[in-house]
C-alpha atoms as a PDB file:
ATOM      1  CA  MET A   1     -22.606   5.671  25.010  1.00  0.00           C
ATOM      2  CA  ALA A   2     -20.650   6.866  22.351  1.00  0.00           C
ATOM      3  CA  GLU A   3     -21.560  10.268  20.712  1.00  0.00           C
ATOM      4  CA  ALA A   4     -22.169   9.910  16.779  1.00  0.00           C
ATOM      5  CA  ALA A   5     -19.944  12.256  15.109  1.00  0.00           C
ATOM      6  CA  VAL A   6     -21.831  15.671  13.746  1.00  0.00           C
ATOM      7  CA  GLN A   7     -21.307  16.546  10.262  1.00  0.00           C
ATOM      8  CA  GLN A   8     -20.170  20.004   9.803  1.00  0.00           C
ATOM      9  CA  PRO A   9     -22.797  22.553   7.953  1.00  0.00           C
ATOM     10  CA  GLY A  10     -22.295  23.038   4.351  1.00  0.00           C
ATOM     11  CA  LEU A  11     -19.223  20.382   4.087  1.00  0.00           C
ATOM     12  CA  LEU A  12     -19.682  17.023   2.401  1.00  0.00           C
ATOM     13  CA  THR A  13     -18.791  13.857   4.222  1.00  0.00           C
ATOM     14  CA  PRO A  14     -15.177  12.646   3.018  1.00  0.00           C
ATOM     15  CA  ASN A  15     -14.702   9.046   2.082  1.00  0.00           C
ATOM     16  CA  ALA A  16     -18.590   8.083   1.721  1.00  0.00           C
ATOM     17  CA  ARG A  17     -19.012   7.238  -1.910  1.00  0.00           C
ATOM     18  CA  ARG A  18     -16.764   4.837  -3.733  1.00  0.00           C
ATOM     19  CA  HIS A  19     -17.216   6.790  -7.277  1.00  0.00           C
ATOM     20  CA  TYR A  20     -16.770  10.436  -7.985  1.00  0.00           C
ATOM     21  CA  ASP A  21     -16.872  12.590 -11.268  1.00  0.00           C
ATOM     22  CA  VAL A  22     -14.401  15.106 -11.701  1.00  0.00           C
ATOM     23  CA  THR A  23     -13.819  18.036 -14.183  1.00  0.00           C
ATOM     24  CA  ARG A  24     -10.899  19.386 -14.957  1.00  0.00           C
ATOM     25  CA  LYS A  25     -11.694  22.554 -12.594  1.00  0.00           C
ATOM     26  CA  ASP A  26     -11.115  19.951  -9.884  1.00  0.00           C
ATOM     27  CA  LEU A  27      -7.029  19.631 -10.915  1.00  0.00           C
ATOM     28  CA  PRO A  28      -4.796  19.048  -9.176  1.00  0.00           C
ATOM     29  CA  LEU A  29      -6.925  16.429  -8.024  1.00  0.00           C
ATOM     30  CA  HIS A  30      -6.735  15.713  -4.473  1.00  0.00           C
ATOM     31  CA  CYS A  31      -8.666  13.046  -2.255  1.00  0.00           C
ATOM     32  CA  PRO A  32     -10.484  13.992   0.247  1.00  0.00           C
ATOM     33  CA  MET A  33     -11.511  17.101  -2.210  1.00  0.00           C
ATOM     34  CA  ASP A  34     -12.166  20.981  -1.259  1.00  0.00           C
ATOM     35  CA  GLY A  35     -15.343  21.101   0.386  1.00  0.00           C
ATOM     36  CA  MET A  36     -15.363  17.486   2.458  1.00  0.00           C
ATOM     37  CA  SER A  37     -14.858  18.100   5.992  1.00  0.00           C
ATOM     38  CA  LEU A  38     -11.094  16.872   6.958  1.00  0.00           C
ATOM     39  CA  TRP A  39     -11.276  15.966  10.611  1.00  0.00           C
ATOM     40  CA  ASN A  40     -12.705  12.534   9.879  1.00  0.00           C
ATOM     41  CA  SER A  41     -10.744  11.461   7.254  1.00  0.00           C
ATOM     42  CA  HIS A  42      -7.256  10.384   5.728  1.00  0.00           C
ATOM     43  CA  PRO A  43      -4.389  12.950   5.249  1.00  0.00           C
ATOM     44  CA  ARG A  44      -4.683  14.816   1.681  1.00  0.00           C
ATOM     45  CA  VAL A  45      -3.098  12.722  -0.990  1.00  0.00           C
ATOM     46  CA  TYR A  46      -2.423  14.395  -4.589  1.00  0.00           C
ATOM     47  CA  LEU A  47      -3.960  11.645  -7.195  1.00  0.00           C
ATOM     48  CA  PRO A  48      -2.345  11.565 -10.867  1.00  0.00           C
ATOM     49  CA  ILE A  49      -5.388  11.661 -13.080  1.00  0.00           C
ATOM     50  CA  GLU A  50      -4.783  13.598 -15.913  1.00  0.00           C
ATOM     51  CA  ASP A  51      -3.035  10.729 -17.755  1.00  0.00           C
ATOM     52  CA  HIS A  52      -5.071   8.201 -17.711  1.00  0.00           C
ATOM     53  CA  GLY A  53      -8.633   9.907 -16.705  1.00  0.00           C
ATOM     54  CA  GLU A  54      -9.266   7.788 -13.838  1.00  0.00           C
ATOM     55  CA  VAL A  55      -7.367   7.257 -10.546  1.00  0.00           C
ATOM     56  CA  GLU A  56      -7.867   5.482  -7.585  1.00  0.00           C
ATOM     57  CA  CYS A  57      -7.264   6.564  -3.848  1.00  0.00           C
ATOM     58  CA  PRO A  58      -4.010   4.590  -2.404  1.00  0.00           C
ATOM     59  CA  TYR A  59      -6.378   5.451   1.206  1.00  0.00           C
ATOM     60  CA  CYS A  60      -9.706   5.153   0.683  1.00  0.00           C
ATOM     61  CA  SER A  61     -10.207   3.219  -2.504  1.00  0.00           C
ATOM     62  CA  ALA A  62     -12.313   5.641  -3.963  1.00  0.00           C
ATOM     63  CA  ILE A  63     -12.468   6.068  -7.701  1.00  0.00           C
ATOM     64  CA  TYR A  64     -12.305   9.354  -9.496  1.00  0.00           C
ATOM     65  CA  LYS A  65     -12.739   9.730 -13.139  1.00  0.00           C
ATOM     66  CA  LEU A  66     -12.296  12.636 -15.258  1.00  0.00           C
ATOM     67  CA  VAL A  67     -15.359  13.555 -17.077  1.00  0.00           C
ATOM     68  CA  ASP A  68     -14.354  16.295 -19.249  1.00  0.00           C
END
């Protein structure tokens, strides 16, 4: 029987949502973001959101939208 993954206390589950609103304080933007557990995610990739205000992660297809 396979054991269920245990979430690390205080960290968000990476790749759990399809849309994230971010602010300029989150720049430079990368996925997974700070505060997300990394053991069960894809490699960190930096995302160029400044030019268009929205970007899609090439690994997990999460959409990030700059809200300020």
